């Protein structure tokens, strides 16, 4: 694995794999809904969900970002700028697992598009709004919300991380994982790299190197 790929690999793929395979127990044939599906956290979940045999619904902003999600294995695409997310997901049969690094209104809509017995993974709050989850909806639809922080497993369950990374490295060696890095910038352009993330102009990962950009 080259250095650029390695820089983009461990946390993003580790988060997606442990969250989906271990916490949510995603099964082949289930429907996985991924918000922020073209970003560094969401895109790996799209790829991971497809690899695990799920039907993946990707939610992202605009056709270019949705095209990146499709290339990663998404089966259905929803533009978060134009679509009624709840209605669009329900029209596709609802979600069995929700992987959400965005929060805010997207999480609220995804919650209401869940099938009975679904599992939700709030992975972050890129929207700036932390969802307040109505317990009555969890009750009547038998939903489960899984809190998950990959770094916390270093102390909580390190063996889970070791086993996950061993699986991920093997899949990469077999060519089954293809990390997407949209920008590689040298250290003196770190501010520009952060702006790419802040302004949502990047897809997948942005890598900053100590040398000149390749």
N, C-alpha and C. Protein backbone atom coordinates (compact mmCIF):
# COMPACT_ATOMS: atom_id res chain seq x y z
N UNK A 1 0.86 -1.18 0.00
CA UNK A 1 0.00 0.00 0.00
C UNK A 1 0.89 1.23 0.00
N UNK A 2 0.69 2.13 -0.95
CA UNK A 2 1.51 3.35 -1.01
C UNK A 2 1.13 4.31 0.12
N UNK A 3 1.96 5.31 0.35
CA UNK A 3 1.78 6.20 1.49
C UNK A 3 0.47 7.00 1.41
N UNK A 4 0.10 7.46 0.21
CA UNK A 4 -1.12 8.25 0.05
C UNK A 4 -2.33 7.40 0.41
N UNK A 5 -2.39 6.19 -0.10
CA UNK A 5 -3.49 5.28 0.22
C UNK A 5 -3.52 4.99 1.71
N UNK A 6 -2.34 4.72 2.29
CA UNK A 6 -2.28 4.40 3.71
C UNK A 6 -2.81 5.53 4.58
N UNK A 7 -2.48 6.77 4.18
CA UNK A 7 -2.95 7.92 4.95
C UNK A 7 -4.47 8.02 4.94
N UNK A 8 -5.09 7.56 3.86
CA UNK A 8 -6.54 7.68 3.70
C UNK A 8 -7.29 6.45 4.19
N UNK A 9 -6.59 5.41 4.61
CA UNK A 9 -7.20 4.10 4.75
C UNK A 9 -7.75 3.77 6.13
N UNK A 10 -6.92 3.83 7.15
CA UNK A 10 -7.20 3.14 8.41
C UNK A 10 -8.48 3.60 9.10
N UNK A 11 -8.60 4.88 9.39
CA UNK A 11 -9.75 5.36 10.17
C UNK A 11 -11.03 5.28 9.36
N UNK A 12 -10.97 5.70 8.08
CA UNK A 12 -12.18 5.71 7.26
C UNK A 12 -12.73 4.31 7.05
N UNK A 13 -11.88 3.39 6.61
CA UNK A 13 -12.35 2.03 6.39
C UNK A 13 -12.61 1.30 7.70
N UNK A 14 -11.78 1.57 8.71
CA UNK A 14 -12.02 0.96 10.01
C UNK A 14 -13.37 1.35 10.58
N UNK A 15 -13.71 2.63 10.47
CA UNK A 15 -15.00 3.10 10.96
C UNK A 15 -16.14 2.41 10.22
N UNK A 16 -16.08 2.40 8.89
CA UNK A 16 -17.17 1.80 8.11
C UNK A 16 -17.32 0.32 8.41
N UNK A 17 -16.21 -0.40 8.50
CA UNK A 17 -16.28 -1.85 8.69
C UNK A 17 -16.80 -2.23 10.07
N UNK A 18 -16.23 -1.63 11.11
CA UNK A 18 -16.68 -1.99 12.46
C UNK A 18 -18.13 -1.52 12.69
N UNK A 19 -18.46 -0.33 12.20
CA UNK A 19 -19.82 0.17 12.38
C UNK A 19 -20.84 -0.73 11.70
N UNK A 20 -20.58 -1.09 10.46
CA UNK A 20 -21.57 -1.85 9.69
C UNK A 20 -21.55 -3.34 10.02
N UNK A 21 -20.37 -3.94 10.05
CA UNK A 21 -20.30 -5.39 10.24
C UNK A 21 -20.44 -5.79 11.70
N UNK A 22 -19.88 -4.99 12.61
CA UNK A 22 -19.87 -5.36 14.04
C UNK A 22 -21.04 -4.75 14.80
N UNK A 23 -21.21 -3.43 14.71
CA UNK A 23 -22.25 -2.77 15.50
C UNK A 23 -23.64 -2.99 14.94
N UNK A 24 -23.82 -2.72 13.65
CA UNK A 24 -25.16 -2.82 13.05
C UNK A 24 -25.46 -4.21 12.51
N UNK A 25 -24.46 -5.05 12.39
CA UNK A 25 -24.64 -6.42 11.87
C UNK A 25 -25.39 -6.40 10.54
N UNK A 26 -24.92 -5.56 9.61
CA UNK A 26 -25.53 -5.46 8.30
C UNK A 26 -25.49 -6.80 7.59
N UNK A 27 -26.64 -7.20 7.02
CA UNK A 27 -26.75 -8.50 6.38
C UNK A 27 -26.91 -8.36 4.87
N UNK A 28 -26.45 -9.36 4.10
CA UNK A 28 -26.66 -9.34 2.66
C UNK A 28 -28.15 -9.21 2.34
N UNK A 29 -28.47 -8.37 1.37
CA UNK A 29 -29.85 -8.18 0.97
C UNK A 29 -30.58 -7.07 1.71
N UNK A 30 -30.00 -6.58 2.83
CA UNK A 30 -30.61 -5.46 3.52
C UNK A 30 -30.32 -4.16 2.78
N UNK A 31 -31.10 -3.12 3.10
CA UNK A 31 -30.92 -1.82 2.48
C UNK A 31 -30.18 -0.89 3.43
N UNK A 32 -29.05 -0.39 2.96
CA UNK A 32 -28.22 0.54 3.73
C UNK A 32 -28.39 1.94 3.15
N UNK A 33 -28.74 2.89 4.01
CA UNK A 33 -28.84 4.30 3.61
C UNK A 33 -27.63 5.04 4.15
N UNK A 34 -26.88 5.70 3.25
CA UNK A 34 -25.68 6.44 3.64
C UNK A 34 -25.87 7.91 3.29
N UNK A 35 -25.82 8.78 4.28
CA UNK A 35 -25.84 10.22 4.02
C UNK A 35 -24.40 10.72 3.89
N UNK A 36 -24.23 11.90 3.29
CA UNK A 36 -22.87 12.39 3.07
C UNK A 36 -22.04 11.38 2.32
N UNK A 37 -22.66 10.75 1.29
CA UNK A 37 -22.10 9.54 0.70
C UNK A 37 -20.88 9.77 -0.18
N UNK A 38 -20.52 11.02 -0.46
CA UNK A 38 -19.32 11.28 -1.26
C UNK A 38 -18.16 11.76 -0.41
N UNK A 39 -18.36 11.91 0.89
CA UNK A 39 -17.31 12.39 1.78
C UNK A 39 -16.40 11.27 2.25
N UNK A 40 -15.40 11.63 3.04
CA UNK A 40 -14.42 10.66 3.47
C UNK A 40 -14.98 9.54 4.32
N UNK A 41 -15.98 9.86 5.15
CA UNK A 41 -16.60 8.84 6.00
C UNK A 41 -17.68 8.08 5.24
N UNK A 42 -18.51 8.82 4.51
CA UNK A 42 -19.64 8.20 3.83
C UNK A 42 -19.25 7.33 2.66
N UNK A 43 -18.25 7.75 1.89
CA UNK A 43 -17.91 7.01 0.67
C UNK A 43 -17.40 5.61 0.99
N UNK A 44 -16.62 5.48 2.05
CA UNK A 44 -16.15 4.14 2.44
C UNK A 44 -17.31 3.26 2.89
N UNK A 45 -18.35 3.87 3.49
CA UNK A 45 -19.52 3.09 3.90
C UNK A 45 -20.29 2.59 2.68
N UNK A 46 -20.37 3.41 1.64
CA UNK A 46 -21.00 2.96 0.39
C UNK A 46 -20.26 1.73 -0.15
N UNK A 47 -18.96 1.86 -0.25
CA UNK A 47 -18.14 0.76 -0.76
C UNK A 47 -18.25 -0.47 0.13
N UNK A 48 -18.20 -0.26 1.45
CA UNK A 48 -18.26 -1.37 2.39
C UNK A 48 -19.62 -2.06 2.35
N UNK A 49 -20.70 -1.25 2.29
CA UNK A 49 -22.03 -1.83 2.25
C UNK A 49 -22.22 -2.71 1.03
N UNK A 50 -21.77 -2.24 -0.12
CA UNK A 50 -21.88 -3.04 -1.34
C UNK A 50 -21.06 -4.32 -1.23
N UNK A 51 -19.87 -4.22 -0.64
CA UNK A 51 -19.01 -5.39 -0.48
C UNK A 51 -19.64 -6.42 0.46
N UNK A 52 -20.39 -5.94 1.45
CA UNK A 52 -21.05 -6.84 2.40
C UNK A 52 -22.37 -7.39 1.87
N UNK A 53 -22.74 -6.99 0.66
CA UNK A 53 -23.93 -7.56 0.03
C UNK A 53 -25.21 -6.80 0.23
N UNK A 54 -25.11 -5.57 0.73
CA UNK A 54 -26.32 -4.77 0.95
C UNK A 54 -26.70 -4.02 -0.33
N UNK A 55 -27.95 -3.60 -0.38
CA UNK A 55 -28.41 -2.66 -1.40
C UNK A 55 -28.19 -1.27 -0.84
N UNK A 56 -27.39 -0.45 -1.51
CA UNK A 56 -26.93 0.82 -0.94
C UNK A 56 -27.65 1.99 -1.60
N UNK A 57 -28.25 2.84 -0.75
CA UNK A 57 -28.85 4.10 -1.19
C UNK A 57 -27.90 5.20 -0.73
N UNK A 58 -27.35 5.95 -1.68
CA UNK A 58 -26.39 7.01 -1.38
C UNK A 58 -27.07 8.36 -1.47
N UNK A 59 -26.84 9.19 -0.44
CA UNK A 59 -27.38 10.55 -0.41
C UNK A 59 -26.20 11.52 -0.42
N UNK A 60 -26.18 12.40 -1.41
CA UNK A 60 -25.11 13.39 -1.52
C UNK A 60 -25.64 14.61 -2.25
N UNK A 61 -24.83 15.64 -2.30
CA UNK A 61 -25.25 16.92 -2.87
C UNK A 61 -24.73 17.08 -4.29
N UNK A 62 -25.64 17.04 -5.28
CA UNK A 62 -25.28 17.33 -6.65
C UNK A 62 -24.85 16.12 -7.46
N UNK A 63 -24.99 16.19 -8.79
CA UNK A 63 -24.71 15.04 -9.65
C UNK A 63 -23.26 14.59 -9.64
N UNK A 64 -22.30 15.50 -9.51
CA UNK A 64 -20.90 15.08 -9.53
C UNK A 64 -20.56 14.23 -8.31
N UNK A 65 -21.05 14.63 -7.15
CA UNK A 65 -20.77 13.86 -5.94
C UNK A 65 -21.53 12.53 -5.97
N UNK A 66 -22.72 12.54 -6.51
CA UNK A 66 -23.47 11.29 -6.62
C UNK A 66 -22.79 10.32 -7.58
N UNK A 67 -22.16 10.84 -8.62
CA UNK A 67 -21.44 9.97 -9.55
C UNK A 67 -20.28 9.26 -8.85
N UNK A 68 -19.62 9.94 -7.92
CA UNK A 68 -18.54 9.32 -7.15
C UNK A 68 -19.09 8.19 -6.28
N UNK A 69 -20.27 8.42 -5.67
CA UNK A 69 -20.90 7.38 -4.86
C UNK A 69 -21.30 6.18 -5.72
N UNK A 70 -21.81 6.45 -6.91
CA UNK A 70 -22.17 5.34 -7.80
C UNK A 70 -20.94 4.51 -8.15
N UNK A 71 -19.83 5.18 -8.43
CA UNK A 71 -18.61 4.46 -8.78
C UNK A 71 -18.11 3.60 -7.63
N UNK A 72 -18.46 3.97 -6.40
CA UNK A 72 -18.05 3.20 -5.21
C UNK A 72 -18.99 2.03 -4.93
N UNK A 73 -20.10 1.92 -5.69
CA UNK A 73 -20.97 0.77 -5.54
C UNK A 73 -22.40 1.06 -5.16
N UNK A 74 -22.79 2.33 -5.06
CA UNK A 74 -24.18 2.65 -4.70
C UNK A 74 -25.15 2.15 -5.77
N UNK A 75 -26.27 1.62 -5.32
CA UNK A 75 -27.29 1.12 -6.23
C UNK A 75 -28.35 2.17 -6.56
N UNK A 76 -28.61 3.07 -5.63
CA UNK A 76 -29.59 4.13 -5.81
C UNK A 76 -28.98 5.44 -5.32
N UNK A 77 -29.33 6.54 -5.99
CA UNK A 77 -28.76 7.85 -5.68
C UNK A 77 -29.88 8.84 -5.37
N UNK A 78 -29.67 9.65 -4.31
CA UNK A 78 -30.63 10.69 -3.94
C UNK A 78 -29.86 11.99 -3.75
N UNK A 79 -30.27 13.03 -4.44
CA UNK A 79 -29.66 14.34 -4.32
C UNK A 79 -30.27 15.05 -3.11
N UNK A 80 -29.45 15.32 -2.11
CA UNK A 80 -29.96 15.92 -0.87
C UNK A 80 -30.43 17.35 -1.07
N UNK A 81 -30.03 17.99 -2.17
CA UNK A 81 -30.45 19.36 -2.43
C UNK A 81 -31.85 19.44 -3.04
N UNK A 82 -32.27 18.38 -3.69
CA UNK A 82 -33.52 18.47 -4.44
C UNK A 82 -34.59 17.50 -4.00
N UNK A 83 -34.22 16.42 -3.36
CA UNK A 83 -35.19 15.37 -3.08
C UNK A 83 -35.77 15.47 -1.67
N UNK A 84 -37.00 14.99 -1.52
CA UNK A 84 -37.60 14.75 -0.22
C UNK A 84 -37.04 13.41 0.25
N UNK A 85 -36.05 13.45 1.14
CA UNK A 85 -35.32 12.23 1.48
C UNK A 85 -36.24 11.15 2.03
N UNK A 86 -37.10 11.52 2.94
CA UNK A 86 -37.98 10.52 3.53
C UNK A 86 -38.83 9.84 2.45
N UNK A 87 -39.45 10.63 1.58
CA UNK A 87 -40.30 10.07 0.53
C UNK A 87 -39.50 9.23 -0.45
N UNK A 88 -38.30 9.72 -0.80
CA UNK A 88 -37.48 9.01 -1.78
C UNK A 88 -37.03 7.65 -1.25
N UNK A 89 -36.63 7.61 0.02
CA UNK A 89 -36.19 6.34 0.61
C UNK A 89 -37.37 5.39 0.79
N UNK A 90 -38.50 5.91 1.23
CA UNK A 90 -39.68 5.06 1.38
C UNK A 90 -40.10 4.47 0.04
N UNK A 91 -39.97 5.26 -1.02
CA UNK A 91 -40.32 4.77 -2.35
C UNK A 91 -39.42 3.63 -2.80
N UNK A 92 -38.21 3.58 -2.25
CA UNK A 92 -37.26 2.51 -2.56
C UNK A 92 -37.38 1.33 -1.60
N UNK A 93 -38.38 1.38 -0.72
CA UNK A 93 -38.61 0.26 0.19
C UNK A 93 -38.15 0.48 1.61
N UNK A 94 -37.64 1.68 1.94
CA UNK A 94 -37.21 1.97 3.30
C UNK A 94 -35.80 1.49 3.58
N UNK A 95 -35.28 1.90 4.74
CA UNK A 95 -33.90 1.58 5.12
C UNK A 95 -33.88 0.61 6.29
N UNK A 96 -32.97 -0.36 6.22
CA UNK A 96 -32.75 -1.30 7.33
C UNK A 96 -31.60 -0.85 8.22
N UNK A 97 -30.62 -0.16 7.65
CA UNK A 97 -29.50 0.40 8.40
C UNK A 97 -29.25 1.80 7.86
N UNK A 98 -29.05 2.77 8.78
CA UNK A 98 -28.73 4.14 8.40
C UNK A 98 -27.34 4.46 8.92
N UNK A 99 -26.48 4.95 8.03
CA UNK A 99 -25.11 5.34 8.36
C UNK A 99 -25.02 6.83 8.09
N UNK A 100 -24.96 7.63 9.18
CA UNK A 100 -25.14 9.08 9.02
C UNK A 100 -24.02 9.88 9.66
N UNK A 101 -23.13 10.45 8.84
CA UNK A 101 -22.11 11.36 9.37
C UNK A 101 -22.52 12.83 9.29
N UNK A 102 -23.77 13.11 8.93
CA UNK A 102 -24.21 14.49 8.67
C UNK A 102 -25.04 15.06 9.81
N UNK A 103 -26.00 14.29 10.32
CA UNK A 103 -26.88 14.78 11.37
C UNK A 103 -27.91 15.75 10.85
N UNK A 104 -28.48 16.55 11.77
CA UNK A 104 -29.44 17.57 11.38
C UNK A 104 -30.67 17.02 10.69
N UNK A 105 -31.15 17.75 9.69
CA UNK A 105 -32.40 17.40 9.01
C UNK A 105 -32.29 16.07 8.27
N UNK A 106 -31.11 15.74 7.76
CA UNK A 106 -30.96 14.47 7.05
C UNK A 106 -31.16 13.28 7.98
N UNK A 107 -30.63 13.38 9.19
CA UNK A 107 -30.86 12.30 10.15
C UNK A 107 -32.33 12.18 10.48
N UNK A 108 -32.99 13.30 10.70
CA UNK A 108 -34.41 13.28 11.05
C UNK A 108 -35.22 12.60 9.95
N UNK A 109 -34.93 12.94 8.68
CA UNK A 109 -35.65 12.33 7.57
C UNK A 109 -35.33 10.84 7.45
N UNK A 110 -34.05 10.49 7.64
CA UNK A 110 -33.65 9.09 7.55
C UNK A 110 -34.32 8.26 8.64
N UNK A 111 -34.42 8.81 9.84
CA UNK A 111 -35.09 8.12 10.93
C UNK A 111 -36.51 7.74 10.55
N UNK A 112 -37.19 8.67 9.91
CA UNK A 112 -38.59 8.44 9.55
C UNK A 112 -38.76 7.59 8.31
N UNK A 113 -37.65 7.29 7.65
CA UNK A 113 -37.69 6.41 6.48
C UNK A 113 -37.26 4.99 6.82
N UNK A 114 -37.04 4.73 8.10
CA UNK A 114 -36.57 3.41 8.52
C UNK A 114 -37.69 2.37 8.48
N UNK A 115 -37.31 1.17 8.14
CA UNK A 115 -38.22 0.04 8.28
C UNK A 115 -38.28 -0.41 9.74
N UNK A 116 -39.34 -1.08 10.17
CA UNK A 116 -39.37 -1.64 11.52
C UNK A 116 -38.16 -2.53 11.78
N UNK A 117 -37.55 -2.35 12.96
CA UNK A 117 -36.39 -3.14 13.31
C UNK A 117 -35.07 -2.62 12.77
N UNK A 118 -35.08 -1.45 12.17
CA UNK A 118 -33.86 -0.89 11.58
C UNK A 118 -32.86 -0.47 12.65
N UNK A 119 -31.60 -0.31 12.22
CA UNK A 119 -30.53 0.14 13.11
C UNK A 119 -29.95 1.43 12.55
N UNK A 120 -29.67 2.39 13.43
CA UNK A 120 -29.14 3.68 13.01
C UNK A 120 -27.78 3.92 13.64
N UNK A 121 -26.86 4.47 12.84
CA UNK A 121 -25.50 4.77 13.29
C UNK A 121 -25.24 6.26 13.09
N UNK A 122 -25.38 7.09 14.13
CA UNK A 122 -24.99 8.49 14.02
C UNK A 122 -23.47 8.61 14.15
N UNK A 123 -22.79 8.88 13.03
CA UNK A 123 -21.33 8.86 12.98
C UNK A 123 -20.69 10.23 13.08
N UNK A 124 -21.49 11.28 13.00
CA UNK A 124 -20.93 12.62 13.04
C UNK A 124 -22.00 13.65 12.73
N UNK A 125 -21.61 14.91 12.78
CA UNK A 125 -22.59 15.99 12.67
C UNK A 125 -22.05 17.09 11.76
N UNK A 126 -21.72 16.71 10.51
CA UNK A 126 -21.15 17.66 9.57
C UNK A 126 -22.07 18.84 9.30
N UNK A 127 -23.36 18.66 9.49
CA UNK A 127 -24.31 19.75 9.28
C UNK A 127 -24.21 20.81 10.36
N UNK A 128 -23.59 20.46 11.48
CA UNK A 128 -23.51 21.37 12.62
C UNK A 128 -24.64 21.20 13.61
N UNK A 129 -25.60 20.33 13.30
CA UNK A 129 -26.76 20.13 14.18
C UNK A 129 -26.77 18.69 14.69
N UNK A 130 -26.75 18.54 16.01
CA UNK A 130 -26.81 17.21 16.63
C UNK A 130 -28.28 16.80 16.76
N UNK A 131 -28.68 15.67 16.18
CA UNK A 131 -30.09 15.27 16.23
C UNK A 131 -30.55 14.97 17.65
N UNK A 132 -31.79 15.32 17.92
CA UNK A 132 -32.46 14.93 19.16
C UNK A 132 -33.45 13.84 18.77
N UNK A 133 -33.19 12.62 19.19
CA UNK A 133 -33.93 11.47 18.66
C UNK A 133 -35.20 11.23 19.48
N UNK A 134 -36.37 11.27 18.85
CA UNK A 134 -37.62 11.04 19.58
C UNK A 134 -37.75 9.58 19.99
N UNK A 135 -37.82 9.34 21.28
CA UNK A 135 -37.89 7.97 21.78
C UNK A 135 -39.17 7.26 21.35
N UNK A 136 -40.24 8.03 21.11
CA UNK A 136 -41.49 7.38 20.71
C UNK A 136 -41.36 6.69 19.35
N UNK A 137 -40.56 7.27 18.44
CA UNK A 137 -40.37 6.62 17.14
C UNK A 137 -39.55 5.34 17.30
N UNK A 138 -38.53 5.39 18.16
CA UNK A 138 -37.77 4.17 18.43
C UNK A 138 -38.66 3.07 18.97
N UNK A 139 -39.58 3.46 19.84
CA UNK A 139 -40.46 2.48 20.48
C UNK A 139 -41.40 1.83 19.49
N UNK A 140 -42.15 2.64 18.74
CA UNK A 140 -43.21 2.07 17.91
C UNK A 140 -42.66 1.30 16.71
N UNK A 141 -41.42 1.64 16.27
CA UNK A 141 -40.86 0.94 15.11
C UNK A 141 -39.75 -0.04 15.50
N UNK A 142 -39.54 -0.23 16.81
CA UNK A 142 -38.52 -1.17 17.29
C UNK A 142 -37.15 -0.87 16.68
N UNK A 143 -36.76 0.40 16.72
CA UNK A 143 -35.49 0.83 16.16
C UNK A 143 -34.39 0.78 17.21
N UNK A 144 -33.15 0.63 16.73
CA UNK A 144 -31.98 0.65 17.61
C UNK A 144 -31.00 1.70 17.11
N UNK A 145 -30.53 2.55 18.01
CA UNK A 145 -29.51 3.53 17.68
C UNK A 145 -28.20 3.08 18.30
N UNK A 146 -27.17 2.94 17.48
CA UNK A 146 -25.86 2.48 17.95
C UNK A 146 -24.89 3.66 17.98
N UNK A 147 -24.48 4.05 19.17
CA UNK A 147 -23.38 5.00 19.26
C UNK A 147 -22.09 4.30 18.87
N UNK A 148 -21.24 4.98 18.09
CA UNK A 148 -20.00 4.34 17.67
C UNK A 148 -18.91 5.36 17.43
N UNK A 149 -17.78 5.16 18.08
CA UNK A 149 -16.58 5.97 17.89
C UNK A 149 -15.40 5.02 17.73
N UNK A 150 -14.83 4.98 16.53
CA UNK A 150 -13.78 4.01 16.22
C UNK A 150 -12.62 4.11 17.19
N UNK A 151 -12.17 5.32 17.49
CA UNK A 151 -11.03 5.49 18.37
C UNK A 151 -11.26 4.95 19.77
N UNK A 152 -12.51 4.97 20.22
CA UNK A 152 -12.83 4.46 21.55
C UNK A 152 -12.60 2.97 21.70
N UNK A 153 -12.59 2.25 20.57
CA UNK A 153 -12.39 0.80 20.63
C UNK A 153 -10.96 0.43 20.97
N UNK A 154 -10.03 1.38 20.90
CA UNK A 154 -8.65 1.09 21.30
C UNK A 154 -8.62 0.59 22.74
N UNK A 155 -9.46 1.18 23.59
CA UNK A 155 -9.55 0.73 24.99
C UNK A 155 -10.74 -0.20 25.21
N UNK A 156 -11.86 0.07 24.55
CA UNK A 156 -13.07 -0.71 24.78
C UNK A 156 -12.95 -2.15 24.31
N UNK A 157 -12.47 -2.34 23.08
CA UNK A 157 -12.39 -3.69 22.51
C UNK A 157 -11.30 -3.73 21.44
N UNK A 158 -10.03 -3.66 21.83
CA UNK A 158 -8.95 -3.59 20.83
C UNK A 158 -8.92 -4.79 19.90
N UNK A 159 -9.36 -5.95 20.36
CA UNK A 159 -9.35 -7.13 19.49
C UNK A 159 -10.27 -6.94 18.29
N UNK A 160 -11.38 -6.21 18.50
CA UNK A 160 -12.28 -5.92 17.37
C UNK A 160 -11.55 -5.13 16.30
N UNK A 161 -10.75 -4.13 16.71
CA UNK A 161 -10.00 -3.34 15.75
C UNK A 161 -8.93 -4.17 15.06
N UNK A 162 -8.24 -5.01 15.81
CA UNK A 162 -7.20 -5.84 15.20
C UNK A 162 -7.79 -6.76 14.13
N UNK A 163 -8.91 -7.40 14.47
CA UNK A 163 -9.54 -8.32 13.52
C UNK A 163 -10.08 -7.57 12.31
N UNK A 164 -10.66 -6.39 12.56
CA UNK A 164 -11.19 -5.60 11.47
C UNK A 164 -10.09 -5.17 10.51
N UNK A 165 -8.99 -4.64 11.05
CA UNK A 165 -7.90 -4.17 10.19
C UNK A 165 -7.26 -5.32 9.43
N UNK A 166 -7.17 -6.48 10.05
CA UNK A 166 -6.63 -7.64 9.33
C UNK A 166 -7.51 -7.98 8.13
N UNK A 167 -8.82 -7.93 8.33
CA UNK A 167 -9.76 -8.18 7.24
C UNK A 167 -9.62 -7.12 6.15
N UNK A 168 -9.55 -5.86 6.55
CA UNK A 168 -9.48 -4.76 5.59
C UNK A 168 -8.19 -4.80 4.78
N UNK A 169 -7.07 -5.07 5.43
CA UNK A 169 -5.80 -5.14 4.71
C UNK A 169 -5.82 -6.30 3.70
N UNK A 170 -6.45 -7.41 4.09
CA UNK A 170 -6.55 -8.55 3.17
C UNK A 170 -7.43 -8.19 1.97
N UNK A 171 -8.54 -7.52 2.23
CA UNK A 171 -9.41 -7.11 1.12
C UNK A 171 -8.70 -6.14 0.19
N UNK A 172 -7.91 -5.22 0.76
CA UNK A 172 -7.17 -4.30 -0.09
C UNK A 172 -6.15 -5.05 -0.94
N UNK A 173 -5.44 -5.99 -0.33
CA UNK A 173 -4.45 -6.77 -1.07
C UNK A 173 -5.09 -7.56 -2.20
N UNK A 174 -6.35 -7.96 -2.01
CA UNK A 174 -7.07 -8.71 -3.04
C UNK A 174 -7.70 -7.79 -4.09
N UNK A 175 -7.55 -6.48 -3.92
CA UNK A 175 -8.12 -5.55 -4.87
C UNK A 175 -9.60 -5.27 -4.69
N UNK A 176 -10.15 -5.62 -3.53
CA UNK A 176 -11.59 -5.45 -3.30
C UNK A 176 -11.93 -4.08 -2.72
N UNK A 177 -10.94 -3.33 -2.25
CA UNK A 177 -11.14 -1.98 -1.74
C UNK A 177 -10.30 -1.00 -2.55
N UNK A 178 -10.92 0.10 -2.94
CA UNK A 178 -10.23 1.08 -3.78
C UNK A 178 -10.41 2.48 -3.18
N UNK A 179 -9.54 2.87 -2.25
CA UNK A 179 -9.66 4.18 -1.60
C UNK A 179 -9.67 5.33 -2.61
N UNK A 180 -10.54 6.29 -2.36
CA UNK A 180 -10.70 7.43 -3.26
C UNK A 180 -10.12 8.67 -2.59
N UNK A 181 -9.06 9.22 -3.18
CA UNK A 181 -8.42 10.44 -2.69
C UNK A 181 -8.58 11.49 -3.78
N UNK A 182 -9.36 12.53 -3.50
CA UNK A 182 -9.63 13.52 -4.54
C UNK A 182 -8.53 14.57 -4.65
N UNK A 183 -7.80 14.84 -3.55
CA UNK A 183 -6.78 15.88 -3.57
C UNK A 183 -5.59 15.44 -2.72
N UNK A 184 -4.38 15.71 -3.23
CA UNK A 184 -3.14 15.52 -2.48
C UNK A 184 -2.40 16.85 -2.52
N UNK A 185 -2.14 17.42 -1.34
CA UNK A 185 -1.52 18.74 -1.25
C UNK A 185 -0.32 18.70 -0.31
N UNK A 186 0.70 19.54 -0.58
CA UNK A 186 1.86 19.60 0.33
C UNK A 186 1.50 20.33 1.61
N UNK A 187 2.37 20.19 2.59
CA UNK A 187 2.10 20.71 3.92
C UNK A 187 1.86 22.22 3.92
N UNK A 188 2.55 22.95 3.06
CA UNK A 188 2.38 24.40 3.08
C UNK A 188 1.04 24.86 2.47
N UNK A 189 0.24 23.90 2.00
CA UNK A 189 -1.10 24.21 1.49
C UNK A 189 -2.18 23.56 2.36
N UNK A 190 -1.85 23.35 3.64
CA UNK A 190 -2.81 22.73 4.55
C UNK A 190 -4.10 23.55 4.67
N UNK A 191 -3.98 24.87 4.71
CA UNK A 191 -5.18 25.70 4.80
C UNK A 191 -6.11 25.46 3.62
N UNK A 192 -5.53 25.28 2.44
CA UNK A 192 -6.33 24.99 1.25
C UNK A 192 -7.01 23.62 1.38
N UNK A 193 -6.29 22.66 1.94
CA UNK A 193 -6.87 21.32 2.13
C UNK A 193 -8.07 21.39 3.07
N UNK A 194 -7.93 22.14 4.14
CA UNK A 194 -9.05 22.28 5.09
C UNK A 194 -10.23 23.01 4.44
N UNK A 195 -9.93 23.97 3.59
CA UNK A 195 -11.00 24.70 2.89
C UNK A 195 -11.76 23.77 1.95
N UNK A 196 -11.06 22.83 1.33
CA UNK A 196 -11.74 21.87 0.46
C UNK A 196 -12.78 21.06 1.24
N UNK A 197 -12.44 20.70 2.46
CA UNK A 197 -13.38 19.95 3.30
C UNK A 197 -14.52 20.85 3.77
N UNK A 198 -14.16 22.04 4.22
CA UNK A 198 -15.18 22.96 4.76
C UNK A 198 -16.20 23.35 3.69
N UNK A 199 -15.72 23.56 2.48
CA UNK A 199 -16.60 24.01 1.40
C UNK A 199 -17.20 22.86 0.61
N UNK A 200 -16.93 21.64 1.04
CA UNK A 200 -17.47 20.43 0.42
C UNK A 200 -17.11 20.35 -1.06
N UNK A 201 -15.87 20.70 -1.37
CA UNK A 201 -15.38 20.58 -2.73
C UNK A 201 -14.55 19.32 -2.94
N UNK A 202 -14.30 18.59 -1.86
CA UNK A 202 -13.55 17.34 -1.96
C UNK A 202 -14.51 16.16 -1.98
N UNK A 203 -14.04 15.05 -2.54
CA UNK A 203 -14.76 13.79 -2.42
C UNK A 203 -13.79 12.76 -1.87
N UNK A 204 -14.31 11.80 -1.13
CA UNK A 204 -13.41 10.86 -0.48
C UNK A 204 -12.50 11.58 0.48
N UNK A 205 -11.21 11.30 0.41
CA UNK A 205 -10.25 11.86 1.34
C UNK A 205 -9.37 12.93 0.70
N UNK A 206 -8.90 13.85 1.54
CA UNK A 206 -7.87 14.81 1.16
C UNK A 206 -6.63 14.45 1.97
N UNK A 207 -5.49 14.32 1.31
CA UNK A 207 -4.25 13.94 1.99
C UNK A 207 -3.24 15.08 1.90
N UNK A 208 -2.64 15.41 3.04
CA UNK A 208 -1.59 16.41 3.11
C UNK A 208 -0.26 15.68 3.32
N UNK A 209 0.73 15.99 2.51
CA UNK A 209 2.02 15.32 2.60
C UNK A 209 3.09 16.27 3.08
N UNK A 210 4.21 15.73 3.52
CA UNK A 210 5.32 16.57 3.96
C UNK A 210 6.20 16.97 2.79
N UNK A 211 5.99 16.37 1.63
CA UNK A 211 6.79 16.71 0.46
C UNK A 211 5.95 17.43 -0.58
N UNK A 212 6.48 17.52 -1.79
CA UNK A 212 5.76 18.15 -2.89
C UNK A 212 4.61 17.26 -3.35
N UNK A 213 3.56 17.88 -3.81
CA UNK A 213 2.42 17.10 -4.32
C UNK A 213 2.85 16.30 -5.54
N UNK A 214 2.37 15.06 -5.65
CA UNK A 214 2.75 14.23 -6.81
C UNK A 214 2.09 14.75 -8.09
